[in-house]
Amino acid sequence: MTHAGERAAASTTVEQAIAPEHARALWPLPTVLRPHRNLLTHYLLSSLLLGPAFPVFMVQRFFKFQTLSYALDEEGITVRWGILFRREVSLTYARIQDIHLSSNLLERWLGLARIQLQTASGSAQAEVTIEGLQHFEAMRDFLYGRMRGTRDVAGSGPSAPGALATASRGEGLETVLREVAAEVRLLRQELGGTSTPTPHEPNAPEKDHG
């Protein structure tokens, strides 16, 4: 084996040995991913099973492979493909409800799998399907971690501002009540300085003027 072949084999071994928890290092965000060339082979072989319709489906899938891309950022994932009819599907991590990983015999032979992302829309079909990535397990774990992270933030986020707002309203009401009480005490003191008898004056002994 040549040195170039050894380096290629070593590189493949290292890439396959990357643990799923290192997915963040694999795909520093934002990033745009392209499908592996084995996906085109999968399209070719699966189109052969369609018989006379093979040319039509193969041309369609060839252009899909050439234009297919996955854009990942801090908010979610966007899938784009198509030339004449450009399609774009965006999905935030917070909307993801379930993640399925599936592969048929041909996909397993090519080292591929499909990652299906489902939302709470009620549809039985996946909202987004990611195909053609060899590090599909790492991608699944990456998306799962993002999904759980956004849910945790969403679950704890509203309660904290709500508690702060409630505390602020409570403190404001307490301040107003203290001010009202101070004004009432001041008003009583002012009334006590006039000719109006104070509460203890009727009980005081009368002076003898005789």
C-alpha atoms as a PDB file:
ATOM      1  CA  MET A   1       0.000   0.000   0.000  1.00  0.00           C
ATOM      2  CA  THR A   2       1.289   3.467  -0.899  1.00  0.00           C
ATOM      3  CA  HIS A   3       1.780   6.216   1.623  1.00  0.00           C
ATOM      4  CA  ALA A   4      -1.206   8.071   0.183  1.00  0.00           C
ATOM      5  CA  GLY A   5      -3.337   4.944   0.548  1.00  0.00           C
ATOM      6  CA  GLU A   6      -2.136   4.477   4.120  1.00  0.00           C
ATOM      7  CA  ARG A   7      -2.989   8.070   4.968  1.00  0.00           C
ATOM      8  CA  ALA A   8      -6.440   7.710   3.381  1.00  0.00           C
ATOM      9  CA  ALA A   9      -7.096   4.492   5.289  1.00  0.00           C
ATOM     10  CA  ALA A  10      -5.884   6.046   8.535  1.00  0.00           C
ATOM     11  CA  SER A  11      -8.069   9.093   7.927  1.00  0.00           C
ATOM     12  CA  THR A  12     -11.116   6.893   7.314  1.00  0.00           C
ATOM     13  CA  THR A  13     -10.378   4.907  10.474  1.00  0.00           C
ATOM     14  CA  VAL A  14     -10.073   8.078  12.546  1.00  0.00           C
ATOM     15  CA  GLU A  15     -13.285   9.522  11.118  1.00  0.00           C
ATOM     16  CA  GLN A  16     -15.196   6.335  11.809  1.00  0.00           C
ATOM     17  CA  ALA A  17     -13.843   6.248  15.355  1.00  0.00           C
ATOM     18  CA  ILE A  18     -15.121   9.722  16.225  1.00  0.00           C
ATOM     19  CA  ALA A  19     -17.484   9.407  19.159  1.00  0.00           C
ATOM     20  CA  PRO A  20     -20.956  10.961  18.893  1.00  0.00           C
ATOM     21  CA  GLU A  21     -20.253  13.316  21.802  1.00  0.00           C
ATOM     22  CA  HIS A  22     -17.612  15.022  19.652  1.00  0.00           C
ATOM     23  CA  ALA A  23     -20.242  16.097  17.128  1.00  0.00           C
ATOM     24  CA  ARG A  24     -19.858  19.736  18.153  1.00  0.00           C
ATOM     25  CA  ALA A  25     -16.224  19.592  17.113  1.00  0.00           C
ATOM     26  CA  LEU A  26     -17.221  17.790  13.904  1.00  0.00           C
ATOM     27  CA  TRP A  27     -19.624  20.524  12.852  1.00  0.00           C
ATOM     28  CA  PRO A  28     -18.732  23.923  14.317  1.00  0.00           C
ATOM     29  CA  LEU A  29     -21.733  26.149  13.778  1.00  0.00           C
ATOM     30  CA  PRO A  30     -22.710  27.645  11.460  1.00  0.00           C
ATOM     31  CA  THR A  31     -21.831  25.125   8.770  1.00  0.00           C
ATOM     32  CA  VAL A  32     -23.127  23.754   5.467  1.00  0.00           C
ATOM     33  CA  LEU A  33     -22.905  20.007   4.819  1.00  0.00           C
ATOM     34  CA  ARG A  34     -23.053  18.191   1.499  1.00  0.00           C
ATOM     35  CA  PRO A  35     -24.098  14.543   1.058  1.00  0.00           C
ATOM     36  CA  HIS A  36     -21.494  11.848   0.523  1.00  0.00           C
ATOM     37  CA  ARG A  37     -20.987  10.581  -3.032  1.00  0.00           C
ATOM     38  CA  ASN A  38     -22.331   7.195  -1.942  1.00  0.00           C
ATOM     39  CA  LEU A  39     -25.765   8.799  -1.948  1.00  0.00           C
ATOM     40  CA  LEU A  40     -25.522   9.207  -5.718  1.00  0.00           C
ATOM     41  CA  THR A  41     -24.677   5.494  -5.969  1.00  0.00           C
ATOM     42  CA  HIS A  42     -27.722   4.747  -3.854  1.00  0.00           C
ATOM     43  CA  TYR A  43     -29.887   6.874  -6.151  1.00  0.00           C
ATOM     44  CA  LEU A  44     -28.503   5.063  -9.213  1.00  0.00           C
ATOM     45  CA  LEU A  45     -29.040   1.545  -7.880  1.00  0.00           C
ATOM     46  CA  SER A  46     -32.496   2.278  -6.475  1.00  0.00           C
ATOM     47  CA  SER A  47     -33.558   3.918  -9.752  1.00  0.00           C
ATOM     48  CA  LEU A  48     -32.599   0.760 -11.664  1.00  0.00           C
ATOM     49  CA  LEU A  49     -35.370  -1.055  -9.820  1.00  0.00           C
ATOM     50  CA  LEU A  50     -37.950   1.235 -11.424  1.00  0.00           C
ATOM     51  CA  GLY A  51     -37.512  -0.321 -14.860  1.00  0.00           C
ATOM     52  CA  PRO A  52     -38.572   1.867 -17.812  1.00  0.00           C
ATOM     53  CA  ALA A  53     -38.933   4.917 -15.551  1.00  0.00           C
ATOM     54  CA  PHE A  54     -35.224   4.703 -14.659  1.00  0.00           C
ATOM     55  CA  PRO A  55     -34.006   7.637 -16.878  1.00  0.00           C
ATOM     56  CA  VAL A  56     -36.595  10.065 -15.528  1.00  0.00           C
ATOM     57  CA  PHE A  57     -35.997   9.270 -11.866  1.00  0.00           C
ATOM     58  CA  MET A  58     -32.235   9.086 -12.284  1.00  0.00           C
ATOM     59  CA  VAL A  59     -32.055  12.566 -13.843  1.00  0.00           C
ATOM     60  CA  GLN A  60     -34.261  13.949 -11.079  1.00  0.00           C
ATOM     61  CA  ARG A  61     -32.186  12.355  -8.332  1.00  0.00           C
ATOM     62  CA  PHE A  62     -28.918  13.340  -9.965  1.00  0.00           C
ATOM     63  CA  PHE A  63     -29.847  17.018  -9.849  1.00  0.00           C
ATOM     64  CA  LYS A  64     -31.136  16.590  -6.294  1.00  0.00           C
ATOM     65  CA  PHE A  65     -27.764  15.157  -5.272  1.00  0.00           C
ATOM     66  CA  GLN A  66     -25.912  18.014  -6.976  1.00  0.00           C
ATOM     67  CA  THR A  67     -27.941  20.697  -5.198  1.00  0.00           C
ATOM     68  CA  LEU A  68     -28.673  19.024  -1.845  1.00  0.00           C
ATOM     69  CA  SER A  69     -27.215  20.789   1.180  1.00  0.00           C
ATOM     70  CA  TYR A  70     -27.812  20.987   4.926  1.00  0.00           C
ATOM     71  CA  ALA A  71     -27.219  24.322   6.642  1.00  0.00           C
ATOM     72  CA  LEU A  72     -26.806  24.141  10.433  1.00  0.00           C
ATOM     73  CA  ASP A  73     -26.731  27.131  12.750  1.00  0.00           C
ATOM     74  CA  GLU A  74     -27.520  27.910  16.375  1.00  0.00           C
ATOM     75  CA  GLU A  75     -31.279  28.040  15.724  1.00  0.00           C
ATOM     76  CA  GLY A  76     -31.959  25.018  13.522  1.00  0.00           C
ATOM     77  CA  ILE A  77     -31.379  23.221  10.241  1.00  0.00           C
ATOM     78  CA  THR A  78     -32.282  24.197   6.671  1.00  0.00           C
ATOM     79  CA  VAL A  79     -32.402  21.697   3.802  1.00  0.00           C
ATOM     80  CA  ARG A  80     -32.131  22.982   0.230  1.00  0.00           C
ATOM     81  CA  TRP A  81     -32.275  21.181  -3.116  1.00  0.00           C
ATOM     82  CA  GLY A  82     -33.552  21.575  -6.673  1.00  0.00           C
ATOM     83  CA  ILE A  83     -32.718  23.595  -9.796  1.00  0.00           C
ATOM     84  CA  LEU A  84     -35.908  24.335 -11.737  1.00  0.00           C
ATOM     85  CA  PHE A  85     -38.082  23.880  -8.671  1.00  0.00           C
ATOM     86  CA  ARG A  86     -36.006  25.065  -5.750  1.00  0.00           C
ATOM     87  CA  ARG A  87     -37.129  23.697  -2.403  1.00  0.00           C
ATOM     88  CA  GLU A  88     -36.099  24.834   1.046  1.00  0.00           C
ATOM     89  CA  VAL A  89     -37.265  23.434   4.382  1.00  0.00           C
ATOM     90  CA  SER A  90     -36.247  25.056   7.661  1.00  0.00           C
ATOM     91  CA  LEU A  91     -36.757  23.511  11.070  1.00  0.00           C
ATOM     92  CA  THR A  92     -35.729  24.914  14.433  1.00  0.00           C
ATOM     93  CA  TYR A  93     -34.356  22.598  17.097  1.00  0.00           C
ATOM     94  CA  ALA A  94     -37.183  23.591  19.436  1.00  0.00           C
ATOM     95  CA  ARG A  95     -39.804  22.229  17.013  1.00  0.00           C
ATOM     96  CA  ILE A  96     -38.238  18.779  16.796  1.00  0.00           C
ATOM     97  CA  GLN A  97     -40.335  16.242  18.701  1.00  0.00           C
ATOM     98  CA  ASP A  98     -38.804  12.948  17.600  1.00  0.00           C
ATOM     99  CA  ILE A  99     -35.748  11.691  15.711  1.00  0.00           C
ATOM    100  CA  HIS A 100     -35.685   8.377  13.823  1.00  0.00           C
ATOM    101  CA  LEU A 101     -32.674   6.681  12.289  1.00  0.00           C
ATOM    102  CA  SER A 102     -33.404   4.148   9.538  1.00  0.00           C
ATOM    103  CA  SER A 103     -31.494   2.410   6.767  1.00  0.00           C
ATOM    104  CA  ASN A 104     -32.284  -0.377   4.318  1.00  0.00           C
ATOM    105  CA  LEU A 105     -29.916  -3.076   3.152  1.00  0.00           C
ATOM    106  CA  LEU A 106     -28.516  -0.986   0.304  1.00  0.00           C
ATOM    107  CA  GLU A 107     -27.931   2.027   2.543  1.00  0.00           C
ATOM    108  CA  ARG A 108     -26.158  -0.079   5.145  1.00  0.00           C
ATOM    109  CA  TRP A 109     -23.931  -1.538   2.433  1.00  0.00           C
ATOM    110  CA  LEU A 110     -23.015   2.001   1.349  1.00  0.00           C
ATOM    111  CA  GLY A 111     -22.513   3.179   4.940  1.00  0.00           C
ATOM    112  CA  LEU A 112     -25.506   5.524   4.861  1.00  0.00           C
ATOM    113  CA  ALA A 113     -28.691   6.058   6.827  1.00  0.00           C
ATOM    114  CA  ARG A 114     -31.628   8.440   6.915  1.00  0.00           C
ATOM    115  CA  ILE A 115     -32.281  10.754   9.855  1.00  0.00           C
ATOM    116  CA  GLN A 116     -35.976  11.615  10.007  1.00  0.00           C
ATOM    117  CA  LEU A 117     -37.041  14.622  12.062  1.00  0.00           C
ATOM    118  CA  GLN A 118     -40.663  14.793  13.143  1.00  0.00           C
ATOM    119  CA  THR A 119     -42.569  17.691  14.664  1.00  0.00           C
ATOM    120  CA  ALA A 120     -45.870  18.059  16.499  1.00  0.00           C
ATOM    121  CA  SER A 121     -47.722  18.799  13.242  1.00  0.00           C
ATOM    122  CA  GLY A 122     -49.563  15.471  13.445  1.00  0.00           C
ATOM    123  CA  SER A 123     -48.283  14.248  10.091  1.00  0.00           C
ATOM    124  CA  ALA A 124     -47.053  10.656   9.870  1.00  0.00           C
ATOM    125  CA  GLN A 125     -44.270  11.721   7.513  1.00  0.00           C
ATOM    126  CA  ALA A 126     -41.046  13.300   8.642  1.00  0.00           C
ATOM    127  CA  GLU A 127     -40.823  17.076   8.428  1.00  0.00           C
ATOM    128  CA  VAL A 128     -37.164  16.864   7.382  1.00  0.00           C
ATOM    129  CA  THR A 129     -35.153  13.875   6.149  1.00  0.00           C
ATOM    130  CA  ILE A 130     -31.357  14.017   6.253  1.00  0.00           C
ATOM    131  CA  GLU A 131     -29.677  11.508   3.966  1.00  0.00           C
ATOM    132  CA  GLY A 132     -26.234  10.973   2.535  1.00  0.00           C
ATOM    133  CA  LEU A 133     -24.227  11.659   5.703  1.00  0.00           C
ATOM    134  CA  GLN A 134     -21.771   9.005   6.856  1.00  0.00           C
ATOM    135  CA  HIS A 135     -21.547  10.336  10.418  1.00  0.00           C
ATOM    136  CA  PHE A 136     -25.281   9.828  10.790  1.00  0.00           C
ATOM    137  CA  GLU A 137     -25.103   8.586  14.402  1.00  0.00           C
ATOM    138  CA  ALA A 138     -23.106  11.626  15.466  1.00  0.00           C
ATOM    139  CA  MET A 139     -25.568  13.867  13.617  1.00  0.00           C
ATOM    140  CA  ARG A 140     -28.496  12.172  15.334  1.00  0.00           C
ATOM    141  CA  ASP A 141     -26.917  12.705  18.759  1.00  0.00           C
ATOM    142  CA  PHE A 142     -26.029  16.285  17.856  1.00  0.00           C
ATOM    143  CA  LEU A 143     -29.631  17.071  16.872  1.00  0.00           C
ATOM    144  CA  TYR A 144     -30.965  15.256  19.926  1.00  0.00           C
ATOM    145  CA  GLY A 145     -28.717  17.301  22.202  1.00  0.00           C
ATOM    146  CA  ARG A 146     -29.831  20.519  20.527  1.00  0.00           C
ATOM    147  CA  MET A 147     -33.466  19.484  20.825  1.00  0.00           C
ATOM    148  CA  ARG A 148     -33.121  18.724  24.541  1.00  0.00           C
ATOM    149  CA  GLY A 149     -31.133  21.907  25.121  1.00  0.00           C
ATOM    150  CA  THR A 150     -33.761  24.165  23.587  1.00  0.00           C
ATOM    151  CA  ARG A 151     -36.507  22.408  25.537  1.00  0.00           C
ATOM    152  CA  ASP A 152     -34.659  22.911  28.820  1.00  0.00           C
ATOM    153  CA  VAL A 153     -34.178  26.587  28.056  1.00  0.00           C
ATOM    154  CA  ALA A 154     -37.797  26.942  26.993  1.00  0.00           C
ATOM    155  CA  GLY A 155     -38.960  25.162  30.138  1.00  0.00           C
ATOM    156  CA  SER A 156     -36.959  27.312  32.525  1.00  0.00           C
ATOM    157  CA  GLY A 157     -36.974  30.571  30.598  1.00  0.00           C
ATOM    158  CA  PRO A 158     -40.553  31.844  31.017  1.00  0.00           C
ATOM    159  CA  SER A 159     -40.738  30.958  34.715  1.00  0.00           C
ATOM    160  CA  ALA A 160     -37.783  33.124  35.670  1.00  0.00           C
ATOM    161  CA  PRO A 161     -39.039  36.358  34.027  1.00  0.00           C
ATOM    162  CA  GLY A 162     -42.523  35.616  35.348  1.00  0.00           C
ATOM    163  CA  ALA A 163     -41.192  35.260  38.865  1.00  0.00           C
ATOM    164  CA  LEU A 164     -39.221  38.466  38.496  1.00  0.00           C
ATOM    165  CA  ALA A 165     -42.265  40.294  37.193  1.00  0.00           C
ATOM    166  CA  THR A 166     -44.396  38.981  40.065  1.00  0.00           C
ATOM    167  CA  ALA A 167     -41.745  39.982  42.593  1.00  0.00           C
ATOM    168  CA  SER A 168     -41.472  43.423  41.023  1.00  0.00           C
ATOM    169  CA  ARG A 169     -45.231  43.929  41.191  1.00  0.00           C
ATOM    170  CA  GLY A 170     -45.254  42.761  44.830  1.00  0.00           C
ATOM    171  CA  GLU A 171     -42.448  45.137  45.771  1.00  0.00           C
ATOM    172  CA  GLY A 172     -44.186  47.996  43.954  1.00  0.00           C
ATOM    173  CA  LEU A 173     -47.455  47.369  45.805  1.00  0.00           C
ATOM    174  CA  GLU A 174     -45.648  47.216  49.142  1.00  0.00           C
ATOM    175  CA  THR A 175     -43.965  50.548  48.417  1.00  0.00           C
ATOM    176  CA  VAL A 176     -47.305  52.178  47.545  1.00  0.00           C
ATOM    177  CA  LEU A 177     -48.894  50.847  50.748  1.00  0.00           C
ATOM    178  CA  ARG A 178     -46.022  52.212  52.828  1.00  0.00           C
ATOM    179  CA  GLU A 179     -46.408  55.628  51.219  1.00  0.00           C
ATOM    180  CA  VAL A 180     -50.168  55.614  51.841  1.00  0.00           C
ATOM    181  CA  ALA A 181     -49.633  54.672  55.495  1.00  0.00           C
ATOM    182  CA  ALA A 182     -47.081  57.470  55.896  1.00  0.00           C
ATOM    183  CA  GLU A 183     -49.513  59.997  54.416  1.00  0.00           C
ATOM    184  CA  VAL A 184     -52.282  58.792  56.749  1.00  0.00           C
ATOM    185  CA  ARG A 185     -50.004  59.188  59.790  1.00  0.00           C
ATOM    186  CA  LEU A 186     -49.007  62.662  58.634  1.00  0.00           C
ATOM    187  CA  LEU A 187     -52.646  63.631  58.152  1.00  0.00           C
ATOM    188  CA  ARG A 188     -53.516  62.427  61.655  1.00  0.00           C
ATOM    189  CA  GLN A 189     -50.660  64.474  63.124  1.00  0.00           C
ATOM    190  CA  GLU A 190     -51.841  67.584  61.315  1.00  0.00           C
ATOM    191  CA  LEU A 191     -55.399  67.038  62.516  1.00  0.00           C
ATOM    192  CA  GLY A 192     -54.120  66.530  66.048  1.00  0.00           C
ATOM    193  CA  GLY A 193     -52.597  70.041  66.040  1.00  0.00           C
ATOM    194  CA  THR A 194     -55.973  71.770  65.389  1.00  0.00           C
ATOM    195  CA  SER A 195     -58.818  72.553  67.849  1.00  0.00           C
ATOM    196  CA  THR A 196     -60.273  69.139  67.342  1.00  0.00           C
ATOM    197  CA  PRO A 197     -59.878  67.293  70.643  1.00  0.00           C
ATOM    198  CA  THR A 198     -57.503  64.417  70.651  1.00  0.00           C
ATOM    199  CA  PRO A 199     -58.785  61.009  71.760  1.00  0.00           C
ATOM    200  CA  HIS A 200     -57.350  61.398  75.321  1.00  0.00           C
ATOM    201  CA  GLU A 201     -58.741  64.918  75.967  1.00  0.00           C
ATOM    202  CA  PRO A 202     -62.342  63.886  76.863  1.00  0.00           C
ATOM    203  CA  ASN A 203     -60.968  61.643  79.580  1.00  0.00           C
ATOM    204  CA  ALA A 204     -58.709  64.358  81.072  1.00  0.00           C
ATOM    205  CA  PRO A 205     -59.881  65.911  84.427  1.00  0.00           C
ATOM    206  CA  GLU A 206     -61.518  69.331  84.187  1.00  0.00           C
ATOM    207  CA  LYS A 207     -59.721  72.276  85.837  1.00  0.00           C
ATOM    208  CA  ASP A 208     -61.415  74.096  88.715  1.00  0.00           C
ATOM    209  CA  HIS A 209     -61.782  77.758  87.799  1.00  0.00           C
ATOM    210  CA  GLY A 210     -63.671  78.680  91.019  1.00  0.00           C
END
